[in-house]
Amino acid sequence: MNHDNTDSPTSRTEGIISWFVHNHVAANLLMVMIIVLGAVSLITMKQEVFPEVDLDIIVVTVPYPGASPEEVEEAICTRIEEKVASVDGVKEIRSRASEGVGSVTIELEKGADKRKALDDVQTEVDRITTFPDEAEEPIITEITNRRQVINLVIYGDVGERTLKLYAEQARNDLTALPNISQADLSGVRDYEISVEVSETTLRRYGITFDQVVAALRGSSLDLPGGSVKTEAGEILIRTKGQRYTGLEFERIVILSRADGTNIELGQLARVIDGFDEDTPLTTRYDGSPAAMVQVFRVAEQDAIDVADTVKRYMTEQEPLLPPGLKMGVWSDRTEILKSRRDLLLKNGKVGLVLVFICLTLFLNLRLAFWVMMGIPISFLGSFLFLPSADVSLNMVSLFAYIIALGIVVDDAIVVGENVFDYRQKGLGALEAAVKGVREMAMPVVLTVLTTIAA
């Protein structure tokens, strides 16, 4: 019985190898195409410290000042849970009730439309009319996976307010740049305006504490006032009464007397325009008080590009700072990425040189050159497929490349030595190339596949 093996995988492999050996123009064109496209793909490929992971999480936070955790759970968390449970795509709902604040975490099903789910959650929460009057407006956020890249530090022997003002300016400048989207302040306390009222003073003026509280609540507001239709169009009306500084709060009128005189808050109380005293926080850098701007990488942004942009900004802005203030960088997470990338390049160069020298000494120069060329071509060819597989250059993929480098070098030497062995037996160059590569093709492929599986 005769068997036709012309369509077997081995015969197809032999046919491909033989065809490329006998059609060197096509082989050279393919090589050039791999080098060019691989280089272009490498240049445009996203670089990040660790691979990005989608979180698919929405968080609803409602501040409820002065409430106990039990009150927050009953008045805030339970009511939100009941409303958002019917939203399409919700996988799990978790709540956390703390003193003065309640938060509900909504985890979505994999593949759910996050934008639609966020809009639906917003709609359902807005429909809740039974929140306590003391509760503040709900804050609904989509948790995005952002990776911190670098910290810009502003430091010097100056006051806390000065540090924060320059840190805020640096944050605004950085986020205005085209390749940086997110930056947060760190190491500084929140602004806080506190009002200290003396009971003796209140009695002297005949004013109660509740009157002071009511005046503060009613005098620091921005409120919409509807609209007025005119011949020229519709005019929106809005009152702008929000107070932002201690001096503005001191001018709030607490009581108007019959004789036309007013009693302002500054006459009754001590207004302190400072920082949150409940958050003890001290940040120092190089022995001096400091404020930090945390810079993040999001979406398709390149981590190394973000870090380099921050360093350029520091170089440009530091000479413009007032005396006593300096800038620095801290916790540059791209350094470890660069070190691993440099390790791969260093190992690759050493591998190429050693392969070329060894094969030149023990085989021949022409064979050594083409075996050496196969190593970078193999890596450039792999870069063509990484973007389509949503793989970036990061700590994990670079580690895989470092492992693969040794395998590629070993396989290149083994295949080259086998071709040379057939040449030594008297076969022609083309026939030796076909036989040598064909004989080692399956062992080499199996070796790589077992490593991938592991």
Protein backbone atom coordinates (compact mmCIF):
# COMPACT_ATOMS: atom_id res chain seq x y z
CA MET A 1 0.00 0.00 0.00
CA ASN A 2 1.38 3.37 -1.02
CA HIS A 3 0.93 6.48 1.14
CA ASP A 4 0.90 10.02 -0.26
CA ASN A 5 2.73 12.23 2.22
CA THR A 6 2.91 15.35 0.05
CA ASP A 7 0.44 17.22 2.29
CA SER A 8 1.99 16.28 5.64
CA PRO A 9 3.31 19.11 7.87
CA THR A 10 6.87 17.84 7.44
CA SER A 11 6.66 17.87 3.66
CA ARG A 12 5.14 21.34 3.66
CA THR A 13 7.96 22.59 5.90
CA GLU A 14 10.53 21.02 3.62
CA GLY A 15 8.87 22.70 0.64
CA ILE A 16 8.94 26.15 2.25
CA ILE A 17 12.60 25.81 3.28
CA SER A 18 13.62 24.55 -0.15
CA TRP A 19 11.66 27.26 -1.95
CA PHE A 20 13.28 30.08 0.04
CA VAL A 21 16.75 28.55 -0.37
CA HIS A 22 16.35 28.43 -4.13
CA ASN A 23 14.67 31.85 -4.36
CA HIS A 24 17.10 34.07 -2.53
CA VAL A 25 15.62 37.30 -3.95
CA ALA A 26 12.28 36.58 -2.27
CA ALA A 27 14.08 35.61 0.94
CA ASN A 28 16.06 38.86 0.93
CA LEU A 29 12.94 40.93 0.25
CA LEU A 30 11.16 39.21 3.14
CA MET A 31 14.15 39.90 5.38
CA VAL A 32 14.20 43.60 4.47
CA MET A 33 10.45 43.87 5.00
CA ILE A 34 10.70 42.28 8.46
CA ILE A 35 13.56 44.62 9.42
CA VAL A 36 11.79 47.80 8.26
CA LEU A 37 8.30 46.98 9.57
CA GLY A 38 9.68 45.58 12.80
CA ALA A 39 11.75 48.72 13.39
CA VAL A 40 8.74 50.96 12.69
CA SER A 41 6.58 48.90 15.04
CA LEU A 42 9.26 49.06 17.74
CA ILE A 43 9.52 52.85 17.50
CA THR A 44 5.75 53.36 17.80
CA MET A 45 5.13 50.65 20.40
CA LYS A 46 3.74 51.67 23.79
CA GLN A 47 6.19 51.44 26.70
CA GLU A 48 4.97 51.02 30.26
CA VAL A 49 6.41 49.71 33.51
CA PHE A 50 3.78 47.00 34.01
CA PRO A 51 0.98 45.79 31.69
CA GLU A 52 -2.28 47.70 31.85
CA VAL A 53 -5.38 45.96 33.23
CA ASP A 54 -8.99 47.12 32.79
CA LEU A 55 -10.77 47.42 36.15
CA ASP A 56 -14.43 47.85 35.08
CA ILE A 57 -15.37 49.51 38.38
CA ILE A 58 -17.64 52.47 39.19
CA VAL A 59 -17.65 54.08 42.64
CA VAL A 60 -20.46 56.22 44.10
CA THR A 61 -19.40 58.32 47.11
CA VAL A 62 -21.76 60.43 49.22
CA PRO A 63 -20.35 62.55 52.08
CA TYR A 64 -22.70 62.70 55.11
CA PRO A 65 -20.94 64.94 57.67
CA GLY A 66 -21.44 64.06 61.32
CA ALA A 67 -23.24 60.75 60.67
CA SER A 68 -22.25 57.46 62.30
CA PRO A 69 -21.46 54.40 60.15
CA GLU A 70 -24.86 52.90 61.03
CA GLU A 71 -26.67 56.04 59.87
CA VAL A 72 -24.56 56.17 56.68
CA GLU A 73 -25.37 52.55 55.88
CA GLU A 74 -29.13 53.01 56.30
CA ALA A 75 -29.50 56.48 54.74
CA ILE A 76 -26.88 56.29 51.97
CA CYS A 77 -25.49 52.87 51.05
CA THR A 78 -28.74 50.85 51.18
CA ARG A 79 -30.64 53.33 49.02
CA ILE A 80 -27.90 53.45 46.39
CA GLU A 81 -27.66 49.64 46.29
CA GLU A 82 -31.39 49.33 45.68
CA LYS A 83 -31.28 51.72 42.74
CA VAL A 84 -28.15 50.56 40.91
CA ALA A 85 -28.91 46.83 41.24
CA SER A 86 -31.12 47.04 38.13
CA VAL A 87 -28.42 48.56 35.89
CA ASP A 88 -27.43 46.32 32.97
CA GLY A 89 -23.96 44.83 33.21
CA VAL A 90 -23.59 44.98 36.99
CA LYS A 91 -21.72 41.96 38.33
CA GLU A 92 -21.26 42.77 42.01
CA ILE A 93 -22.08 45.61 44.42
CA ARG A 94 -20.02 46.30 47.55
CA SER A 95 -20.65 49.03 50.13
CA ARG A 96 -18.52 50.69 52.76
CA ALA A 97 -20.06 52.85 55.49
CA SER A 98 -17.64 55.00 57.46
CA GLU A 99 -18.09 57.92 59.78
CA GLY A 100 -19.26 60.84 57.66
CA VAL A 101 -19.14 59.14 54.28
CA GLY A 102 -20.63 56.19 52.40
CA SER A 103 -19.29 54.60 49.23
CA VAL A 104 -20.72 51.95 46.92
CA THR A 105 -18.40 50.05 44.57
CA ILE A 106 -20.04 48.63 41.44
CA GLU A 107 -18.12 45.97 39.53
CA LEU A 108 -19.21 45.43 35.92
CA GLU A 109 -19.34 42.25 33.88
CA LYS A 110 -16.39 41.67 31.57
CA GLY A 111 -17.15 43.21 28.19
CA ALA A 112 -19.92 45.48 29.50
CA ASP A 113 -20.27 48.97 28.01
CA LYS A 114 -18.63 51.07 30.73
CA ARG A 115 -19.78 54.41 29.34
CA LYS A 116 -23.44 53.30 29.19
CA ALA A 117 -23.20 51.72 32.64
CA LEU A 118 -21.74 54.95 34.06
CA ASP A 119 -24.59 56.99 32.55
CA ASP A 120 -27.18 54.53 33.89
CA VAL A 121 -25.69 54.63 37.38
CA GLN A 122 -25.68 58.45 37.26
CA THR A 123 -29.34 58.45 36.23
CA GLU A 124 -30.39 56.01 38.97
CA VAL A 125 -28.52 57.89 41.70
CA ASP A 126 -29.98 61.22 40.56
CA ARG A 127 -33.46 59.73 40.99
CA ILE A 128 -32.88 59.17 44.72
CA THR A 129 -34.83 61.88 46.55
CA THR A 130 -34.65 60.38 50.04
CA PHE A 131 -31.07 61.27 50.93
CA PRO A 132 -30.84 63.23 54.20
CA ASP A 133 -30.75 67.02 53.88
CA GLU A 134 -27.30 67.06 55.49
CA ALA A 135 -25.87 64.70 52.84
CA GLU A 136 -23.76 66.28 50.12
CA GLU A 137 -24.01 65.72 46.37
CA PRO A 138 -23.09 62.17 45.21
CA ILE A 139 -19.72 61.81 43.50
CA ILE A 140 -19.74 59.18 40.75
CA THR A 141 -16.42 58.13 39.25
CA GLU A 142 -15.18 55.45 36.88
CA ILE A 143 -12.04 53.84 38.29
CA THR A 144 -9.39 53.88 35.61
CA ASN A 145 -6.13 52.00 35.79
CA ARG A 146 -3.51 54.69 35.84
CA ARG A 147 0.13 54.01 36.52
CA GLN A 148 2.30 56.44 38.42
CA VAL A 149 5.42 57.24 36.43
CA ILE A 150 7.39 59.89 38.29
CA ASN A 151 7.13 62.51 41.05
CA LEU A 152 8.09 66.14 40.52
CA VAL A 153 9.18 67.67 43.84
CA ILE A 154 9.08 71.37 44.71
CA TYR A 155 11.06 72.00 47.87
CA GLY A 156 12.76 74.73 49.84
CA ASP A 157 12.72 76.60 53.15
CA VAL A 158 9.46 78.45 52.47
CA GLY A 159 5.94 78.33 53.87
CA GLU A 160 3.45 75.53 53.24
CA ARG A 161 1.13 77.80 51.27
CA THR A 162 3.93 78.90 48.93
CA LEU A 163 4.94 75.29 48.29
CA LYS A 164 1.37 74.30 47.50
CA LEU A 165 0.81 77.27 45.17
CA TYR A 166 3.89 76.42 43.11
CA ALA A 167 3.00 72.71 43.15
CA GLU A 168 -0.48 73.53 41.84
CA GLN A 169 1.06 75.69 39.11
CA ALA A 170 3.41 72.85 38.14
CA ARG A 171 0.52 70.40 38.04
CA ASN A 172 -1.51 72.69 35.79
CA ASP A 173 1.48 73.27 33.49
CA LEU A 174 2.20 69.55 33.18
CA THR A 175 -1.39 68.52 32.45
CA ALA A 176 -1.54 71.22 29.77
CA LEU A 177 1.22 69.44 27.86
CA PRO A 178 -0.02 67.16 25.04
CA ASN A 179 1.43 63.88 26.33
CA ILE A 180 0.46 64.19 30.02
CA SER A 181 -3.18 63.83 31.05
CA GLN A 182 -3.18 63.22 34.80
CA ALA A 183 -1.19 64.65 37.68
CA ASP A 184 -2.11 64.95 41.36
CA LEU A 185 -0.73 66.83 44.33
CA SER A 186 0.80 64.79 47.11
CA GLY A 187 2.49 65.50 50.40
CA VAL A 188 0.41 68.63 51.08
CA ARG A 189 -2.67 69.20 53.20
CA ASP A 190 -6.04 70.38 51.89
CA TYR A 191 -7.00 74.00 52.31
CA GLU A 192 -9.35 74.65 55.23
CA ILE A 193 -11.06 77.79 56.51
CA SER A 194 -11.99 77.42 60.16
CA VAL A 195 -14.20 79.77 62.17
CA GLU A 196 -13.73 80.07 65.94
CA VAL A 197 -16.66 81.74 67.67
CA SER A 198 -16.58 82.89 71.31
CA GLU A 199 -19.72 82.30 73.35
CA THR A 200 -19.06 85.53 75.23
CA THR A 201 -18.93 87.51 71.98
CA LEU A 202 -22.19 85.96 70.77
CA ARG A 203 -23.95 86.98 74.00
CA ARG A 204 -22.59 90.50 73.75
CA TYR A 205 -24.12 90.92 70.30
CA GLY A 206 -27.26 88.93 71.10
CA ILE A 207 -26.63 86.37 68.38
CA THR A 208 -26.99 82.60 68.60
CA PHE A 209 -24.57 80.04 67.17
CA ASP A 210 -27.32 78.73 64.86
CA GLN A 211 -27.66 82.20 63.33
CA VAL A 212 -23.95 82.21 62.50
CA VAL A 213 -24.18 78.75 60.91
CA ALA A 214 -27.25 79.71 58.86
CA ALA A 215 -25.57 82.89 57.63
CA LEU A 216 -22.47 80.96 56.55
CA ARG A 217 -24.52 78.35 54.70
CA GLY A 218 -26.60 80.96 52.94
CA SER A 219 -23.81 83.34 52.04
CA SER A 220 -21.28 81.05 50.35
CA LEU A 221 -23.21 79.58 47.44
CA ASP A 222 -23.27 79.56 43.66
CA LEU A 223 -26.91 79.07 42.63
CA PRO A 224 -28.66 78.92 39.24
CA GLY A 225 -31.42 81.48 38.93
CA GLY A 226 -33.19 80.21 35.83
CA SER A 227 -33.31 82.06 32.52
CA VAL A 228 -34.82 85.13 30.90
CA LYS A 229 -36.01 85.12 27.28
CA THR A 230 -35.29 88.30 25.37
CA GLU A 231 -35.43 89.34 21.74
CA ALA A 232 -31.69 88.74 21.50
CA GLY A 233 -32.00 85.22 22.89
CA GLU A 234 -32.10 83.39 26.19
CA ILE A 235 -30.06 84.75 29.12
CA LEU A 236 -29.05 82.37 31.90
CA ILE A 237 -29.07 83.83 35.41
CA ARG A 238 -26.73 82.58 38.13
CA THR A 239 -25.74 84.04 41.49
CA LYS A 240 -22.01 83.96 42.22
CA GLY A 241 -21.62 84.03 45.98
CA GLN A 242 -19.12 81.29 46.74
CA ARG A 243 -16.42 82.47 49.18
CA TYR A 244 -12.89 81.13 48.83
CA THR A 245 -10.64 83.11 51.19
CA GLY A 246 -10.66 83.95 54.86
CA LEU A 247 -11.02 87.67 54.11
CA GLU A 248 -14.17 87.01 52.05
CA PHE A 249 -15.67 84.99 54.91
CA GLU A 250 -14.91 87.77 57.41
CA ARG A 251 -17.12 90.10 55.33
CA ILE A 252 -20.19 87.86 55.52
CA VAL A 253 -23.04 89.77 57.19
CA ILE A 254 -24.40 87.84 60.16
CA LEU A 255 -27.00 90.37 61.36
CA SER A 256 -28.42 93.61 59.98
CA ARG A 257 -29.69 96.02 62.64
CA ALA A 258 -32.63 98.35 62.36
CA ASP A 259 -30.34 101.39 62.29
CA GLY A 260 -28.75 100.10 59.09
CA THR A 261 -25.50 98.84 60.61
CA ASN A 262 -24.27 95.32 59.89
CA ILE A 263 -22.47 92.83 62.06
CA GLU A 264 -19.95 90.88 60.03
CA LEU A 265 -18.41 87.52 60.82
CA GLY A 266 -15.00 89.13 61.37
CA GLN A 267 -16.41 91.07 64.33
CA LEU A 268 -17.73 87.93 66.00
CA ALA A 269 -15.21 85.24 65.23
CA ARG A 270 -11.63 84.41 64.42
CA VAL A 271 -11.39 83.22 60.79
CA ILE A 272 -8.32 81.07 60.11
CA ASP A 273 -7.41 80.62 56.45
CA GLY A 274 -5.06 77.66 56.68
CA PHE A 275 -4.83 73.92 56.20
CA ASP A 276 -6.66 70.84 57.44
CA GLU A 277 -5.55 70.41 61.05
CA ASP A 278 -7.01 66.89 61.27
CA THR A 279 -4.45 65.58 58.77
CA PRO A 280 -0.99 65.67 60.35
CA LEU A 281 1.28 65.57 57.31
CA THR A 282 4.89 66.61 56.83
CA THR A 283 6.84 66.10 53.61
CA ARG A 284 10.57 66.72 53.33
CA TYR A 285 12.97 66.33 50.43
CA ASP A 286 16.70 66.74 50.79
CA GLY A 287 16.09 68.04 54.32
CA SER A 288 13.67 70.82 53.28
CA PRO A 289 9.84 71.10 53.32
CA ALA A 290 8.41 69.82 50.04
CA ALA A 291 5.31 69.31 47.93
CA MET A 292 5.04 66.66 45.23
CA VAL A 293 3.25 66.37 41.91
CA GLN A 294 2.51 62.74 41.06
CA VAL A 295 2.46 62.24 37.29
CA PHE A 296 0.57 59.29 35.80
CA ARG A 297 0.49 57.45 32.49
CA VAL A 298 -2.95 56.62 31.09
CA ALA A 299 -4.29 54.90 27.97
CA GLU A 300 -1.71 54.77 25.16
CA GLN A 301 0.77 57.18 26.67
CA ASP A 302 4.42 56.14 26.76
CA ALA A 303 5.89 55.93 30.27
CA ILE A 304 9.42 56.89 29.22
CA ASP A 305 8.10 59.80 27.15
CA VAL A 306 6.08 61.04 30.15
CA ALA A 307 9.12 60.85 32.45
CA ASP A 308 11.32 62.65 29.93
CA THR A 309 8.71 65.40 29.55
CA VAL A 310 8.62 65.97 33.32
CA LYS A 311 12.44 66.19 33.43
CA ARG A 312 12.47 68.71 30.57
CA TYR A 313 9.85 70.78 32.37
CA MET A 314 11.96 70.72 35.54
CA THR A 315 15.05 71.83 33.63
CA GLU A 316 13.16 74.72 32.00
CA GLN A 317 11.27 75.92 35.08
CA GLU A 318 13.79 75.59 37.91
CA PRO A 319 15.76 78.73 36.91
CA LEU A 320 12.48 80.71 36.99
CA LEU A 321 11.65 79.80 40.61
CA PRO A 322 12.10 82.44 43.33
CA PRO A 323 15.13 82.23 45.62
CA GLY A 324 14.86 79.39 48.13
CA LEU A 325 12.76 77.11 45.92
CA LYS A 326 14.10 74.17 43.92
CA MET A 327 12.77 71.31 41.81
CA GLY A 328 13.73 67.66 41.72
CA VAL A 329 12.44 64.27 40.61
CA TRP A 330 11.80 61.30 42.83
CA SER A 331 10.62 57.72 42.39
CA ASP A 332 11.16 57.57 38.63
CA ARG A 333 9.59 54.19 37.87
CA THR A 334 10.89 54.19 34.32
CA GLU A 335 14.44 53.64 35.57
CA ILE A 336 13.76 49.96 36.23
CA LEU A 337 12.15 49.66 32.78
CA LYS A 338 15.17 51.29 31.16
CA SER A 339 17.55 49.04 33.10
CA ARG A 340 15.76 45.91 31.90
CA ARG A 341 15.66 47.23 28.35
CA ASP A 342 19.38 48.02 28.53
CA LEU A 343 20.05 44.54 29.91
CA LEU A 344 18.28 43.01 26.91
CA LEU A 345 20.26 45.18 24.47
CA LYS A 346 23.53 44.43 26.25
CA ASN A 347 22.88 40.68 26.24
CA GLY A 348 21.85 40.88 22.60
CA LYS A 349 25.06 42.65 21.59
CA VAL A 350 27.21 40.21 23.56
CA GLY A 351 25.32 37.28 22.06
CA LEU A 352 25.78 38.57 18.51
CA VAL A 353 29.50 39.14 18.99
CA LEU A 354 30.12 35.75 20.62
CA VAL A 355 28.10 33.89 17.98
CA PHE A 356 29.93 35.65 15.17
CA ILE A 357 33.39 35.06 16.67
CA CYS A 358 32.78 31.41 17.57
CA LEU A 359 31.20 30.47 14.27
CA THR A 360 33.89 32.34 12.33
CA LEU A 361 36.63 30.48 14.19
CA PHE A 362 35.12 27.00 13.98
CA LEU A 363 32.92 27.17 10.85
CA ASN A 364 33.26 29.92 8.22
CA LEU A 365 32.75 33.67 7.89
CA ARG A 366 29.74 33.64 5.55
CA LEU A 367 27.78 31.15 7.63
CA ALA A 368 28.65 33.05 10.82
CA PHE A 369 27.35 36.31 9.35
CA TRP A 370 23.94 34.91 8.32
CA VAL A 371 23.47 33.04 11.59
CA MET A 372 24.23 36.28 13.44
CA MET A 373 21.76 38.21 11.27
CA GLY A 374 19.01 35.73 12.11
CA ILE A 375 19.00 36.80 15.78
CA PRO A 376 17.98 40.49 15.41
CA ILE A 377 15.67 39.62 12.49
CA SER A 378 13.83 37.13 14.72
CA PHE A 379 13.26 39.80 17.37
CA LEU A 380 12.22 42.47 14.86
CA GLY A 381 9.77 40.00 13.34
CA SER A 382 8.16 39.44 16.74
CA PHE A 383 7.55 43.19 17.15
CA LEU A 384 5.17 43.04 14.17
CA PHE A 385 2.70 40.94 16.13
CA LEU A 386 2.88 42.58 19.57
CA PRO A 387 0.55 45.57 18.88
CA SER A 388 -2.17 43.33 17.39
CA ALA A 389 -1.97 41.15 20.52
CA ASP A 390 -2.24 44.28 22.72
CA VAL A 391 1.21 43.66 24.18
CA SER A 392 3.50 46.55 25.08
CA LEU A 393 7.14 46.81 26.00
CA ASN A 394 7.03 46.40 29.76
CA MET A 395 8.78 44.61 32.61
CA VAL A 396 7.05 41.31 31.83
CA SER A 397 7.51 41.26 28.06
CA LEU A 398 11.15 42.39 28.33
CA PHE A 399 11.81 39.57 30.79
CA ALA A 400 10.33 37.16 28.25
CA TYR A 401 12.62 38.60 25.56
CA ILE A 402 15.66 38.12 27.81
CA ILE A 403 14.73 34.45 28.24
CA ALA A 404 14.02 34.05 24.52
CA LEU A 405 17.36 35.63 23.61
CA GLY A 406 19.29 32.66 24.94
CA ILE A 407 17.05 30.21 23.10
CA VAL A 408 17.37 32.09 19.80
CA VAL A 409 21.17 32.24 20.10
CA ASP A 410 21.41 28.53 20.91
CA ASP A 411 19.07 27.51 18.09
CA ALA A 412 20.94 29.70 15.60
CA ILE A 413 24.23 28.03 16.50
CA VAL A 414 22.73 24.52 16.33
CA VAL A 415 21.16 25.10 12.91
CA GLY A 416 24.28 26.80 11.53
CA GLU A 417 26.52 23.99 12.77
CA ASN A 418 24.27 21.37 11.18
CA VAL A 419 24.41 23.15 7.80
CA PHE A 420 28.20 23.34 8.06
CA ASP A 421 28.38 19.64 8.88
CA TYR A 422 26.61 18.77 5.62
CA ARG A 423 29.00 21.05 3.75
CA GLN A 424 31.90 19.16 5.26
CA LYS A 425 30.38 15.93 3.95
CA GLY A 426 30.65 17.28 0.41
CA LEU A 427 27.13 18.61 -0.27
CA GLY A 428 26.65 21.83 -2.23
CA ALA A 429 25.76 25.05 -0.45
CA LEU A 430 22.03 24.99 -1.36
CA GLU A 431 21.55 21.30 -0.64
CA ALA A 432 23.41 21.58 2.66
CA ALA A 433 21.25 24.54 3.68
CA VAL A 434 18.03 22.66 2.89
CA LYS A 435 19.08 19.44 4.62
CA GLY A 436 20.65 21.17 7.64
CA VAL A 437 17.69 23.46 8.34
CA ARG A 438 15.08 20.77 7.59
CA GLU A 439 16.69 18.31 9.97
CA MET A 440 16.74 20.81 12.87
CA ALA A 441 13.42 22.54 12.18
CA MET A 442 11.22 20.27 14.26
CA PRO A 443 13.55 20.03 17.31
CA VAL A 444 13.96 23.81 17.34
CA VAL A 445 10.20 24.44 17.09
CA LEU A 446 9.45 21.93 19.86
CA THR A 447 12.10 23.49 22.08
CA VAL A 448 10.53 26.94 21.72
CA LEU A 449 6.99 25.62 22.23
CA THR A 450 7.90 23.80 25.45
CA THR A 451 9.49 26.97 26.79
CA ILE A 452 6.37 28.96 25.90
CA ALA A 453 4.19 26.37 27.63
CA ALA A 454 6.35 26.56 30.76
